[in-house]
Amino acid sequence: MVHPRKVNILLLVIMVFSLFWLSSFAAVPPSTQSSDSHLNFIVSPTGKPALHSINEITISPQSINTGWVDLLQCYQHLDPVPEMEVVYKYKAMRKLRITKSKNIDLAMVKGQSVQLENVLKNAQLCVVTEARIFYENKNGSYQLVNGPFHRQFLDSYFPFHLTLKVNYPSSLLEFIDSKPKSQIGFIVKQSDNTLLIDSYFTGKLYTEIIFKQHRIK
């Protein structure tokens, strides 16, 4: 018989850490939910640190043809719980592996998820994987789609801190726009071949980063 408290904990962490859903590469991506009434950008919270998802995506020259990108992801400020499951719902994903775990007794990959046991205070988890999330639109532009990012329990949303760094070949691609656009709570900074997004929010956040390709004359 499963203890009721354990069931409640598992329900909470599955809802909290089912952070990523993406349509298949060939499908039309979900529209950005920036107008969702649940989404609110906030300034950095001054109380308990928010769950922090640190992501680094690398778009290679091959990504333009294949759609596959490299993803490095680290979680900080995980909730201390006896058991936790980090679930990835990418439809095209491969080579998921753990690169770092701290203050976690057991961490192991199972399919498209990471199973954690005895997550302690100040725990950290880092993984790497490949995902097919970059593709060409009908108008010739390219799009990197991610989300929804959210931290939810029942009908309530809790503060979430997202850091997203996108490396791309600036000799082949030019950044055009982001959805949502840069604003308070969603800061977008661009350099020669890197895009950096830092966001604090509650609710569900979808991100879209749009590029155009430099055509060879």
N, C-alpha and C. Protein backbone atom coordinates (compact mmCIF):
# COMPACT_ATOMS: atom_id res chain seq x y z
N MET A 1 0.84 -1.20 0.00
CA MET A 1 0.00 0.00 0.00
C MET A 1 0.88 1.25 0.00
N VAL A 2 0.60 2.16 -0.88
CA VAL A 2 1.37 3.39 -0.96
C VAL A 2 0.85 4.38 0.07
N HIS A 3 1.78 4.98 0.80
CA HIS A 3 1.39 5.96 1.81
C HIS A 3 0.79 7.19 1.15
N PRO A 4 -0.35 7.73 1.64
CA PRO A 4 -0.99 8.90 1.01
C PRO A 4 -0.06 10.10 0.87
N ARG A 5 0.82 10.29 1.86
CA ARG A 5 1.72 11.44 1.80
C ARG A 5 2.67 11.32 0.61
N LYS A 6 3.13 10.09 0.35
CA LYS A 6 4.03 9.87 -0.78
C LYS A 6 3.33 10.15 -2.10
N VAL A 7 2.07 9.74 -2.21
CA VAL A 7 1.30 10.01 -3.42
C VAL A 7 1.19 11.50 -3.66
N ASN A 8 0.91 12.26 -2.61
CA ASN A 8 0.78 13.71 -2.74
C ASN A 8 2.09 14.34 -3.16
N ILE A 9 3.20 13.87 -2.61
CA ILE A 9 4.50 14.42 -2.96
C ILE A 9 4.80 14.15 -4.42
N LEU A 10 4.53 12.92 -4.86
CA LEU A 10 4.80 12.57 -6.24
C LEU A 10 3.94 13.39 -7.19
N LEU A 11 2.68 13.61 -6.84
CA LEU A 11 1.80 14.41 -7.67
C LEU A 11 2.33 15.82 -7.78
N LEU A 12 2.80 16.37 -6.67
CA LEU A 12 3.32 17.74 -6.67
C LEU A 12 4.55 17.85 -7.57
N VAL A 13 5.52 16.96 -7.40
CA VAL A 13 6.76 17.14 -8.13
C VAL A 13 6.59 16.83 -9.61
N ILE A 14 5.69 15.91 -9.96
CA ILE A 14 5.46 15.64 -11.37
C ILE A 14 4.87 16.87 -12.03
N MET A 15 3.94 17.54 -11.34
CA MET A 15 3.34 18.75 -11.89
C MET A 15 4.35 19.88 -11.94
N VAL A 16 5.20 19.95 -10.91
CA VAL A 16 6.17 21.03 -10.85
C VAL A 16 7.24 20.87 -11.92
N PHE A 17 7.70 19.64 -12.15
CA PHE A 17 8.86 19.44 -12.99
C PHE A 17 8.55 18.89 -14.37
N SER A 18 7.26 18.78 -14.73
CA SER A 18 6.94 18.50 -16.13
C SER A 18 7.01 19.83 -16.87
N LEU A 19 8.22 20.30 -17.11
CA LEU A 19 8.44 21.69 -17.50
C LEU A 19 8.41 21.91 -19.00
N PHE A 20 8.67 20.89 -19.79
CA PHE A 20 8.89 21.12 -21.21
C PHE A 20 7.96 20.28 -22.06
N TRP A 21 7.24 20.94 -22.96
CA TRP A 21 6.43 20.23 -23.95
C TRP A 21 6.67 20.87 -25.30
N LEU A 22 6.97 20.05 -26.29
CA LEU A 22 7.22 20.58 -27.62
C LEU A 22 6.53 19.71 -28.65
N SER A 23 5.95 20.34 -29.66
CA SER A 23 5.39 19.57 -30.76
C SER A 23 6.53 18.95 -31.56
N SER A 24 6.20 18.01 -32.42
CA SER A 24 7.23 17.39 -33.25
C SER A 24 7.79 18.43 -34.21
N PHE A 25 8.95 18.11 -34.76
CA PHE A 25 9.66 19.06 -35.61
C PHE A 25 8.83 19.48 -36.81
N ALA A 26 8.06 18.54 -37.36
CA ALA A 26 7.32 18.83 -38.58
C ALA A 26 6.00 19.54 -38.31
N ALA A 27 5.56 19.53 -37.09
CA ALA A 27 4.25 20.10 -36.78
C ALA A 27 4.35 21.61 -36.60
N VAL A 28 3.21 22.27 -36.68
CA VAL A 28 3.14 23.71 -36.41
C VAL A 28 3.33 23.90 -34.92
N PRO A 29 4.26 24.77 -34.47
CA PRO A 29 4.52 24.93 -33.05
C PRO A 29 3.34 25.58 -32.33
N PRO A 30 3.19 25.31 -31.03
CA PRO A 30 2.13 25.96 -30.28
C PRO A 30 2.37 27.46 -30.23
N SER A 31 1.30 28.24 -30.33
CA SER A 31 1.45 29.69 -30.29
C SER A 31 1.90 30.12 -28.91
N THR A 32 2.70 31.18 -28.87
CA THR A 32 3.18 31.68 -27.60
C THR A 32 2.02 32.18 -26.75
N GLN A 33 2.02 31.77 -25.48
CA GLN A 33 0.92 32.10 -24.60
C GLN A 33 1.18 33.37 -23.81
N SER A 34 1.78 34.37 -24.48
CA SER A 34 2.12 35.60 -23.77
C SER A 34 0.88 36.35 -23.31
N SER A 35 -0.28 36.07 -23.96
CA SER A 35 -1.52 36.74 -23.58
C SER A 35 -2.33 35.92 -22.59
N ASP A 36 -1.78 34.76 -22.16
CA ASP A 36 -2.46 33.93 -21.18
C ASP A 36 -2.64 34.72 -19.89
N SER A 37 -3.84 34.68 -19.35
CA SER A 37 -4.14 35.47 -18.15
C SER A 37 -3.34 34.97 -16.95
N HIS A 38 -2.83 33.73 -17.02
CA HIS A 38 -2.05 33.19 -15.90
C HIS A 38 -0.60 33.65 -15.93
N LEU A 39 -0.12 34.11 -17.08
CA LEU A 39 1.29 34.49 -17.21
C LEU A 39 1.49 35.92 -16.74
N ASN A 40 2.39 36.06 -15.75
CA ASN A 40 2.73 37.39 -15.25
C ASN A 40 4.24 37.46 -15.05
N PHE A 41 4.87 38.42 -15.70
CA PHE A 41 6.30 38.64 -15.48
C PHE A 41 6.48 39.43 -14.20
N ILE A 42 7.49 39.06 -13.43
CA ILE A 42 7.70 39.68 -12.12
C ILE A 42 9.17 40.06 -12.00
N VAL A 43 9.47 40.93 -11.03
CA VAL A 43 10.86 41.22 -10.71
C VAL A 43 11.38 40.08 -9.85
N SER A 44 12.68 40.04 -9.64
CA SER A 44 13.28 38.97 -8.86
C SER A 44 12.64 38.89 -7.48
N PRO A 45 12.11 37.73 -7.08
CA PRO A 45 11.48 37.62 -5.76
C PRO A 45 12.49 37.81 -4.65
N THR A 46 12.07 38.43 -3.55
CA THR A 46 12.98 38.73 -2.45
C THR A 46 12.91 37.69 -1.35
N GLY A 47 11.94 36.79 -1.41
CA GLY A 47 11.81 35.76 -0.39
C GLY A 47 12.59 34.51 -0.73
N LYS A 48 11.93 33.37 -0.64
CA LYS A 48 12.55 32.09 -0.96
C LYS A 48 12.97 32.06 -2.43
N PRO A 49 14.20 31.61 -2.72
CA PRO A 49 14.65 31.57 -4.13
C PRO A 49 13.70 30.73 -4.99
N ALA A 50 13.42 31.22 -6.18
CA ALA A 50 12.53 30.50 -7.08
C ALA A 50 13.28 29.34 -7.74
N LEU A 51 12.52 28.33 -8.12
CA LEU A 51 13.10 27.25 -8.92
C LEU A 51 13.78 27.86 -10.14
N HIS A 52 15.03 27.49 -10.37
CA HIS A 52 15.82 28.11 -11.43
C HIS A 52 16.21 27.05 -12.45
N SER A 53 15.78 27.23 -13.68
CA SER A 53 16.14 26.36 -14.79
C SER A 53 17.12 27.11 -15.68
N ILE A 54 18.35 26.61 -15.76
CA ILE A 54 19.41 27.24 -16.54
C ILE A 54 19.63 26.40 -17.79
N ASN A 55 19.41 26.99 -18.95
CA ASN A 55 19.44 26.24 -20.20
C ASN A 55 20.43 26.86 -21.17
N GLU A 56 21.19 26.02 -21.85
CA GLU A 56 22.06 26.48 -22.92
C GLU A 56 21.79 25.63 -24.15
N ILE A 57 21.32 26.26 -25.21
CA ILE A 57 21.01 25.59 -26.46
C ILE A 57 22.03 26.02 -27.51
N THR A 58 22.58 25.05 -28.22
CA THR A 58 23.54 25.34 -29.27
C THR A 58 22.96 24.92 -30.61
N ILE A 59 22.79 25.92 -31.49
CA ILE A 59 22.36 25.68 -32.86
C ILE A 59 23.61 25.61 -33.72
N SER A 60 23.86 24.48 -34.34
CA SER A 60 25.04 24.30 -35.18
C SER A 60 24.67 24.54 -36.64
N PRO A 61 25.64 24.64 -37.52
CA PRO A 61 25.31 24.74 -38.95
C PRO A 61 24.47 23.56 -39.43
N GLN A 62 24.70 22.37 -38.86
CA GLN A 62 23.92 21.20 -39.24
C GLN A 62 22.47 21.31 -38.80
N SER A 63 22.22 22.08 -37.74
CA SER A 63 20.85 22.23 -37.22
C SER A 63 19.92 22.84 -38.26
N ILE A 64 20.46 23.68 -39.13
CA ILE A 64 19.64 24.33 -40.16
C ILE A 64 19.00 23.29 -41.07
N ASN A 65 19.70 22.19 -41.31
CA ASN A 65 19.17 21.13 -42.18
C ASN A 65 18.44 20.04 -41.41
N THR A 66 18.89 19.76 -40.17
CA THR A 66 18.34 18.61 -39.44
C THR A 66 17.31 18.98 -38.38
N GLY A 67 17.43 20.21 -37.84
CA GLY A 67 16.54 20.61 -36.76
C GLY A 67 17.00 20.20 -35.38
N TRP A 68 18.05 19.38 -35.28
CA TRP A 68 18.55 18.92 -33.98
C TRP A 68 19.48 19.96 -33.36
N VAL A 69 19.28 20.24 -32.07
CA VAL A 69 20.14 21.16 -31.33
C VAL A 69 20.63 20.46 -30.06
N ASP A 70 21.73 20.96 -29.51
CA ASP A 70 22.26 20.44 -28.24
C ASP A 70 21.69 21.26 -27.09
N LEU A 71 21.33 20.58 -26.02
CA LEU A 71 20.73 21.24 -24.86
C LEU A 71 21.44 20.82 -23.59
N LEU A 72 21.93 21.81 -22.86
CA LEU A 72 22.46 21.61 -21.52
C LEU A 72 21.51 22.30 -20.55
N GLN A 73 21.09 21.58 -19.52
CA GLN A 73 20.09 22.14 -18.60
C GLN A 73 20.45 21.81 -17.16
N CYS A 74 20.41 22.82 -16.30
CA CYS A 74 20.67 22.63 -14.87
C CYS A 74 19.51 23.20 -14.06
N TYR A 75 19.16 22.50 -12.99
CA TYR A 75 18.13 22.96 -12.07
C TYR A 75 18.79 23.33 -10.75
N GLN A 76 18.37 24.46 -10.21
CA GLN A 76 18.79 24.87 -8.88
C GLN A 76 17.56 25.18 -8.03
N HIS A 77 17.76 25.13 -6.70
CA HIS A 77 16.69 25.39 -5.74
C HIS A 77 15.55 24.38 -5.89
N LEU A 78 15.91 23.12 -6.05
CA LEU A 78 14.91 22.06 -6.07
C LEU A 78 14.28 21.91 -4.69
N ASP A 79 13.02 21.54 -4.66
CA ASP A 79 12.34 21.32 -3.39
C ASP A 79 12.82 20.02 -2.75
N PRO A 80 13.13 20.03 -1.45
CA PRO A 80 13.54 18.79 -0.78
C PRO A 80 12.34 17.85 -0.63
N VAL A 81 12.41 16.70 -1.27
CA VAL A 81 11.34 15.70 -1.23
C VAL A 81 11.95 14.31 -1.28
N PRO A 82 11.23 13.27 -0.80
CA PRO A 82 11.77 11.91 -0.84
C PRO A 82 11.95 11.38 -2.26
N GLU A 83 11.02 11.69 -3.17
CA GLU A 83 11.11 11.19 -4.53
C GLU A 83 10.68 12.28 -5.50
N MET A 84 11.30 12.30 -6.67
CA MET A 84 11.00 13.32 -7.66
C MET A 84 11.22 12.75 -9.06
N GLU A 85 10.44 13.20 -10.02
CA GLU A 85 10.58 12.76 -11.40
C GLU A 85 10.62 13.99 -12.30
N VAL A 86 11.71 14.15 -13.04
CA VAL A 86 11.82 15.23 -14.01
C VAL A 86 11.46 14.65 -15.37
N VAL A 87 10.35 15.10 -15.94
CA VAL A 87 9.82 14.51 -17.16
C VAL A 87 10.02 15.44 -18.34
N TYR A 88 10.53 14.89 -19.45
CA TYR A 88 10.68 15.64 -20.69
C TYR A 88 9.69 15.10 -21.71
N LYS A 89 8.93 15.99 -22.31
CA LYS A 89 7.90 15.56 -23.24
C LYS A 89 8.21 15.95 -24.68
N TYR A 90 9.51 16.11 -24.97
CA TYR A 90 9.90 16.30 -26.36
C TYR A 90 9.49 15.06 -27.17
N LYS A 91 8.95 15.26 -28.36
CA LYS A 91 8.62 14.13 -29.21
C LYS A 91 9.83 13.63 -29.98
N ALA A 92 10.86 14.46 -30.10
CA ALA A 92 12.10 14.06 -30.77
C ALA A 92 13.25 14.42 -29.86
N MET A 93 13.79 13.43 -29.18
CA MET A 93 14.80 13.65 -28.15
C MET A 93 15.72 12.43 -28.11
N ARG A 94 17.01 12.65 -27.84
CA ARG A 94 17.93 11.52 -27.79
C ARG A 94 19.13 11.86 -26.91
N LYS A 95 19.82 10.81 -26.46
CA LYS A 95 21.08 10.92 -25.73
C LYS A 95 20.94 11.71 -24.43
N LEU A 96 19.86 11.49 -23.70
CA LEU A 96 19.69 12.13 -22.39
C LEU A 96 20.63 11.49 -21.38
N ARG A 97 21.40 12.32 -20.69
CA ARG A 97 22.27 11.79 -19.64
C ARG A 97 22.49 12.85 -18.57
N ILE A 98 22.81 12.39 -17.39
CA ILE A 98 23.07 13.26 -16.23
C ILE A 98 24.55 13.62 -16.21
N THR A 99 24.85 14.89 -16.06
CA THR A 99 26.25 15.33 -15.96
C THR A 99 26.63 15.74 -14.54
N LYS A 100 25.63 16.07 -13.72
CA LYS A 100 25.94 16.49 -12.35
C LYS A 100 24.70 16.32 -11.47
N SER A 101 24.91 15.83 -10.27
CA SER A 101 23.86 15.84 -9.25
C SER A 101 24.50 16.13 -7.90
N LYS A 102 23.87 16.99 -7.14
CA LYS A 102 24.42 17.41 -5.85
C LYS A 102 23.30 17.38 -4.82
N ASN A 103 23.60 16.83 -3.66
CA ASN A 103 22.63 16.69 -2.57
C ASN A 103 21.41 15.90 -3.00
N ILE A 104 21.65 14.88 -3.82
CA ILE A 104 20.61 13.94 -4.25
C ILE A 104 21.18 12.54 -4.08
N ASP A 105 20.49 11.69 -3.30
CA ASP A 105 21.03 10.36 -3.02
C ASP A 105 21.11 9.49 -4.26
N LEU A 106 20.08 9.56 -5.13
CA LEU A 106 20.06 8.73 -6.33
C LEU A 106 19.46 9.52 -7.48
N ALA A 107 20.14 9.51 -8.61
CA ALA A 107 19.65 10.16 -9.83
C ALA A 107 19.94 9.23 -10.99
N MET A 108 18.90 8.87 -11.77
CA MET A 108 19.11 7.97 -12.89
C MET A 108 18.13 8.29 -14.01
N VAL A 109 18.57 8.06 -15.25
CA VAL A 109 17.76 8.29 -16.43
C VAL A 109 16.87 7.08 -16.67
N LYS A 110 15.60 7.35 -16.96
CA LYS A 110 14.66 6.29 -17.31
C LYS A 110 13.82 6.80 -18.47
N GLY A 111 14.15 6.36 -19.69
CA GLY A 111 13.44 6.84 -20.86
C GLY A 111 13.68 8.32 -21.05
N GLN A 112 12.60 9.10 -21.14
CA GLN A 112 12.70 10.56 -21.26
C GLN A 112 12.41 11.23 -19.92
N SER A 113 12.92 10.65 -18.87
CA SER A 113 12.76 11.23 -17.54
C SER A 113 14.00 10.97 -16.71
N VAL A 114 14.13 11.74 -15.63
CA VAL A 114 15.20 11.53 -14.66
C VAL A 114 14.54 11.25 -13.32
N GLN A 115 14.84 10.11 -12.73
CA GLN A 115 14.28 9.70 -11.45
C GLN A 115 15.22 10.11 -10.33
N LEU A 116 14.69 10.79 -9.33
CA LEU A 116 15.49 11.26 -8.20
C LEU A 116 14.93 10.72 -6.90
N GLU A 117 15.82 10.36 -5.99
CA GLU A 117 15.43 9.90 -4.67
C GLU A 117 16.18 10.67 -3.60
N ASN A 118 15.46 11.01 -2.55
CA ASN A 118 15.99 11.74 -1.40
C ASN A 118 16.69 13.02 -1.84
N VAL A 119 15.88 13.94 -2.34
CA VAL A 119 16.38 15.25 -2.76
C VAL A 119 16.50 16.13 -1.52
N LEU A 120 17.70 16.61 -1.26
CA LEU A 120 17.97 17.37 -0.05
C LEU A 120 17.98 18.87 -0.35
N LYS A 121 18.13 19.66 0.69
CA LYS A 121 18.19 21.11 0.55
C LYS A 121 19.41 21.49 -0.29
N ASN A 122 19.27 22.52 -1.12
CA ASN A 122 20.34 23.01 -2.00
C ASN A 122 20.76 21.98 -3.04
N ALA A 123 19.82 21.14 -3.44
CA ALA A 123 20.13 20.14 -4.46
C ALA A 123 20.26 20.78 -5.83
N GLN A 124 21.08 20.16 -6.67
CA GLN A 124 21.27 20.61 -8.06
C GLN A 124 21.26 19.40 -8.98
N LEU A 125 20.79 19.61 -10.20
CA LEU A 125 20.77 18.56 -11.19
C LEU A 125 21.10 19.16 -12.54
N CYS A 126 22.01 18.53 -13.29
CA CYS A 126 22.34 18.97 -14.64
C CYS A 126 22.25 17.78 -15.61
N VAL A 127 21.68 18.03 -16.77
CA VAL A 127 21.57 17.00 -17.80
C VAL A 127 21.96 17.59 -19.14
N VAL A 128 22.30 16.71 -20.08
CA VAL A 128 22.50 17.11 -21.47
C VAL A 128 21.65 16.19 -22.34
N THR A 129 21.20 16.71 -23.47
CA THR A 129 20.41 15.93 -24.39
C THR A 129 20.45 16.60 -25.76
N GLU A 130 19.85 15.96 -26.74
CA GLU A 130 19.66 16.56 -28.05
C GLU A 130 18.17 16.55 -28.34
N ALA A 131 17.67 17.65 -28.89
CA ALA A 131 16.23 17.77 -29.19
C ALA A 131 16.05 18.37 -30.57
N ARG A 132 15.02 17.93 -31.25
CA ARG A 132 14.73 18.42 -32.60
C ARG A 132 13.66 19.50 -32.50
N ILE A 133 14.11 20.75 -32.30
CA ILE A 133 13.18 21.84 -31.99
C ILE A 133 13.44 23.09 -32.84
N PHE A 134 14.25 22.96 -33.85
CA PHE A 134 14.61 24.11 -34.70
C PHE A 134 14.23 23.77 -36.13
N TYR A 135 13.42 24.63 -36.76
CA TYR A 135 12.93 24.29 -38.09
C TYR A 135 12.61 25.52 -38.91
N GLU A 136 12.40 25.30 -40.17
CA GLU A 136 12.14 26.38 -41.11
C GLU A 136 10.65 26.64 -41.23
N ASN A 137 10.26 27.92 -41.20
CA ASN A 137 8.87 28.31 -41.40
C ASN A 137 8.58 28.46 -42.90
N LYS A 138 7.31 28.60 -43.22
CA LYS A 138 6.90 28.70 -44.62
C LYS A 138 7.45 29.95 -45.29
N ASN A 139 7.68 31.01 -44.49
CA ASN A 139 8.18 32.26 -45.08
C ASN A 139 9.71 32.29 -45.20
N GLY A 140 10.36 31.16 -44.88
CA GLY A 140 11.80 31.09 -45.00
C GLY A 140 12.58 31.42 -43.74
N SER A 141 11.89 31.92 -42.72
CA SER A 141 12.56 32.17 -41.44
C SER A 141 12.72 30.86 -40.68
N TYR A 142 13.48 30.91 -39.60
CA TYR A 142 13.69 29.73 -38.75
C TYR A 142 13.23 30.05 -37.34
N GLN A 143 12.82 29.01 -36.64
CA GLN A 143 12.20 29.21 -35.34
C GLN A 143 12.69 28.18 -34.33
N LEU A 144 13.05 28.65 -33.14
CA LEU A 144 13.39 27.80 -32.01
C LEU A 144 12.27 27.97 -30.99
N VAL A 145 11.55 26.89 -30.71
CA VAL A 145 10.36 26.98 -29.86
C VAL A 145 10.58 26.17 -28.59
N ASN A 146 10.22 26.74 -27.47
CA ASN A 146 10.40 26.08 -26.18
C ASN A 146 9.22 26.39 -25.27
N GLY A 147 8.86 25.43 -24.43
CA GLY A 147 7.82 25.67 -23.45
C GLY A 147 6.71 24.64 -23.51
N PRO A 148 5.75 24.70 -22.58
CA PRO A 148 5.69 25.75 -21.56
C PRO A 148 6.61 25.48 -20.37
N PHE A 149 7.21 26.54 -19.86
CA PHE A 149 7.91 26.50 -18.59
C PHE A 149 6.89 26.88 -17.52
N HIS A 150 6.78 26.09 -16.50
CA HIS A 150 5.83 26.45 -15.44
C HIS A 150 6.12 25.66 -14.18
N ARG A 151 5.69 26.21 -13.08
CA ARG A 151 5.76 25.56 -11.78
C ARG A 151 4.37 25.69 -11.17
N GLN A 152 3.67 24.58 -11.15
CA GLN A 152 2.25 24.61 -10.83
C GLN A 152 1.89 23.51 -9.86
N PHE A 153 1.00 23.81 -8.93
CA PHE A 153 0.38 22.81 -8.07
C PHE A 153 -1.09 23.14 -7.95
N LEU A 154 -1.94 22.19 -8.36
CA LEU A 154 -3.38 22.41 -8.43
C LEU A 154 -3.66 23.63 -9.31
N ASP A 155 -4.35 24.64 -8.79
CA ASP A 155 -4.68 25.82 -9.60
C ASP A 155 -3.73 26.99 -9.36
N SER A 156 -2.66 26.75 -8.64
CA SER A 156 -1.76 27.84 -8.27
C SER A 156 -0.43 27.72 -9.01
N TYR A 157 0.12 28.87 -9.42
CA TYR A 157 1.42 28.94 -10.05
C TYR A 157 2.40 29.63 -9.10
N PHE A 158 3.64 29.14 -9.11
CA PHE A 158 4.65 29.66 -8.21
C PHE A 158 5.79 30.28 -9.03
N PRO A 159 6.57 31.19 -8.43
CA PRO A 159 7.62 31.88 -9.18
C PRO A 159 8.62 30.91 -9.81
N PHE A 160 8.99 31.22 -11.02
CA PHE A 160 9.91 30.41 -11.82
C PHE A 160 10.97 31.35 -12.38
N HIS A 161 12.23 30.92 -12.31
CA HIS A 161 13.34 31.71 -12.85
C HIS A 161 13.93 30.93 -14.03
N LEU A 162 13.86 31.52 -15.20
CA LEU A 162 14.38 30.89 -16.41
C LEU A 162 15.57 31.67 -16.95
N THR A 163 16.67 30.99 -17.16
CA THR A 163 17.81 31.55 -17.87
C THR A 163 18.02 30.71 -19.12
N LEU A 164 18.00 31.34 -20.27
CA LEU A 164 18.12 30.63 -21.54
C LEU A 164 19.19 31.31 -22.39
N LYS A 165 20.26 30.57 -22.67
CA LYS A 165 21.33 31.05 -23.53
C LYS A 165 21.28 30.26 -24.83
N VAL A 166 21.25 30.97 -25.95
CA VAL A 166 21.20 30.33 -27.26
C VAL A 166 22.44 30.72 -28.05
N ASN A 167 23.25 29.73 -28.38
CA ASN A 167 24.42 29.94 -29.24
C ASN A 167 24.03 29.60 -30.67
N TYR A 168 24.40 30.45 -31.61
CA TYR A 168 24.04 30.19 -33.00
C TYR A 168 25.14 30.71 -33.93
N PRO A 169 25.28 30.14 -35.12
CA PRO A 169 26.32 30.59 -36.06
C PRO A 169 25.90 31.89 -36.74
N SER A 170 26.45 33.00 -36.27
CA SER A 170 26.04 34.31 -36.79
C SER A 170 26.44 34.52 -38.25
N SER A 171 27.35 33.68 -38.75
CA SER A 171 27.71 33.78 -40.16
C SER A 171 26.61 33.20 -41.05
N LEU A 172 25.73 32.39 -40.45
CA LEU A 172 24.66 31.74 -41.21
C LEU A 172 23.27 32.23 -40.82
N LEU A 173 23.11 32.65 -39.57
CA LEU A 173 21.79 33.04 -39.07
C LEU A 173 21.84 34.44 -38.47
N GLU A 174 20.75 35.15 -38.59
CA GLU A 174 20.59 36.47 -37.99
C GLU A 174 19.35 36.48 -37.11
N PHE A 175 19.51 36.90 -35.85
CA PHE A 175 18.37 36.99 -34.93
C PHE A 175 17.42 38.10 -35.40
N ILE A 176 16.14 37.77 -35.47
CA ILE A 176 15.13 38.73 -35.91
C ILE A 176 14.27 39.22 -34.74
N ASP A 177 13.72 38.28 -33.96
CA ASP A 177 12.73 38.66 -32.96
C ASP A 177 12.60 37.56 -31.93
N SER A 178 11.99 37.90 -30.82
CA SER A 178 11.64 36.92 -29.79
C SER A 178 10.20 37.13 -29.38
N LYS A 179 9.56 36.06 -28.99
CA LYS A 179 8.22 36.11 -28.43
C LYS A 179 8.24 35.34 -27.11
N PRO A 180 7.94 36.03 -26.00
CA PRO A 180 7.61 37.45 -25.86
C PRO A 180 8.81 38.34 -26.20
N LYS A 181 8.52 39.62 -26.39
CA LYS A 181 9.56 40.60 -26.61
C LYS A 181 10.20 41.00 -25.28
N SER A 182 11.39 41.59 -25.37
CA SER A 182 12.09 42.01 -24.16
C SER A 182 11.26 43.03 -23.39
N GLN A 183 11.15 42.83 -22.09
CA GLN A 183 10.36 43.68 -21.21
C GLN A 183 10.77 43.40 -19.78
N ILE A 184 10.19 44.13 -18.82
CA ILE A 184 10.48 43.87 -17.42
C ILE A 184 10.03 42.46 -17.08
N GLY A 185 10.94 41.67 -16.52
CA GLY A 185 10.64 40.28 -16.19
C GLY A 185 10.99 39.31 -17.30
N PHE A 186 11.34 39.84 -18.50
CA PHE A 186 11.75 38.99 -19.62
C PHE A 186 12.79 39.78 -20.42
N ILE A 187 14.03 39.66 -20.00
CA ILE A 187 15.10 40.47 -20.57
C ILE A 187 15.82 39.67 -21.65
N VAL A 188 15.96 40.28 -22.83
CA VAL A 188 16.64 39.65 -23.95
C VAL A 188 17.87 40.48 -24.29
N LYS A 189 19.04 39.83 -24.28
CA LYS A 189 20.29 40.50 -24.63
C LYS A 189 20.96 39.74 -25.77
N GLN A 190 21.48 40.49 -26.73
CA GLN A 190 22.07 39.89 -27.91
C GLN A 190 23.53 40.29 -28.06
N SER A 191 24.38 39.33 -28.42
CA SER A 191 25.76 39.61 -28.80
C SER A 191 25.98 39.03 -30.19
N ASP A 192 27.23 38.92 -30.63
CA ASP A 192 27.51 38.53 -32.00
C ASP A 192 26.90 37.18 -32.38
N ASN A 193 27.06 36.19 -31.51
CA ASN A 193 26.56 34.85 -31.84
C ASN A 193 25.83 34.19 -30.67
N THR A 194 25.32 35.03 -29.78
CA THR A 194 24.66 34.52 -28.59
C THR A 194 23.44 35.36 -28.25
N LEU A 195 22.40 34.70 -27.81
CA LEU A 195 21.22 35.37 -27.31
C LEU A 195 21.02 34.90 -25.87
N LEU A 196 20.78 35.84 -24.96
CA LEU A 196 20.61 35.49 -23.55
C LEU A 196 19.26 36.03 -23.06
N ILE A 197 18.45 35.14 -22.52
CA ILE A 197 17.14 35.50 -21.96
C ILE A 197 17.16 35.20 -20.47
N ASP A 198 16.71 36.16 -19.67
CA ASP A 198 16.57 35.95 -18.23
C ASP A 198 15.17 36.41 -17.83
N SER A 199 14.43 35.51 -17.20
CA SER A 199 13.02 35.82 -16.93
C SER A 199 12.58 35.29 -15.57
N TYR A 200 11.79 36.11 -14.87
CA TYR A 200 11.08 35.69 -13.67
C TYR A 200 9.59 35.81 -13.98
N PHE A 201 8.82 34.81 -13.64
CA PHE A 201 7.39 34.85 -13.96
C PHE A 201 6.61 33.85 -13.12
N THR A 202 5.31 33.99 -13.15
CA THR A 202 4.38 32.97 -12.68
C THR A 202 3.46 32.64 -13.85
N GLY A 203 2.93 31.42 -13.86
CA GLY A 203 2.08 30.99 -14.96
C GLY A 203 2.86 30.13 -15.93
N LYS A 204 2.40 30.08 -17.18
CA LYS A 204 3.04 29.27 -18.21
C LYS A 204 3.69 30.17 -19.25
N LEU A 205 4.93 29.88 -19.55
CA LEU A 205 5.69 30.68 -20.51
C LEU A 205 6.13 29.82 -21.69
N TYR A 206 5.77 30.27 -22.89
CA TYR A 206 6.30 29.71 -24.13
C TYR A 206 7.29 30.72 -24.70
N THR A 207 8.37 30.24 -25.28
CA THR A 207 9.31 31.14 -25.93
C THR A 207 9.47 30.75 -27.39
N GLU A 208 9.60 31.76 -28.24
CA GLU A 208 9.90 31.56 -29.65
C GLU A 208 11.03 32.52 -30.03
N ILE A 209 12.07 31.99 -30.63
CA ILE A 209 13.18 32.80 -31.09
C ILE A 209 13.27 32.63 -32.60
N ILE A 210 13.21 33.74 -33.31
CA ILE A 210 13.10 33.71 -34.77
C ILE A 210 14.38 34.23 -35.41
N PHE A 211 14.85 33.49 -36.42
CA PHE A 211 16.06 33.85 -37.15
C PHE A 211 15.75 33.91 -38.64
N LYS A 212 16.61 34.59 -39.37
CA LYS A 212 16.62 34.45 -40.83
C LYS A 212 18.00 33.98 -41.25
N GLN A 213 18.08 33.32 -42.37
CA GLN A 213 19.33 32.77 -42.84
C GLN A 213 20.02 33.72 -43.80
N HIS A 214 21.34 33.86 -43.62
CA HIS A 214 22.13 34.64 -44.59
C HIS A 214 22.26 33.82 -45.86
N ARG A 215 21.80 34.36 -46.94
CA ARG A 215 21.87 33.64 -48.21
C ARG A 215 23.22 33.88 -48.88
N ILE A 216 23.80 32.81 -49.40
CA ILE A 216 25.07 32.93 -50.11
C ILE A 216 24.83 33.50 -51.50
N LYS A 217 25.49 34.59 -51.83
CA LYS A 217 25.31 35.24 -53.13
C LYS A 217 26.17 34.57 -54.19
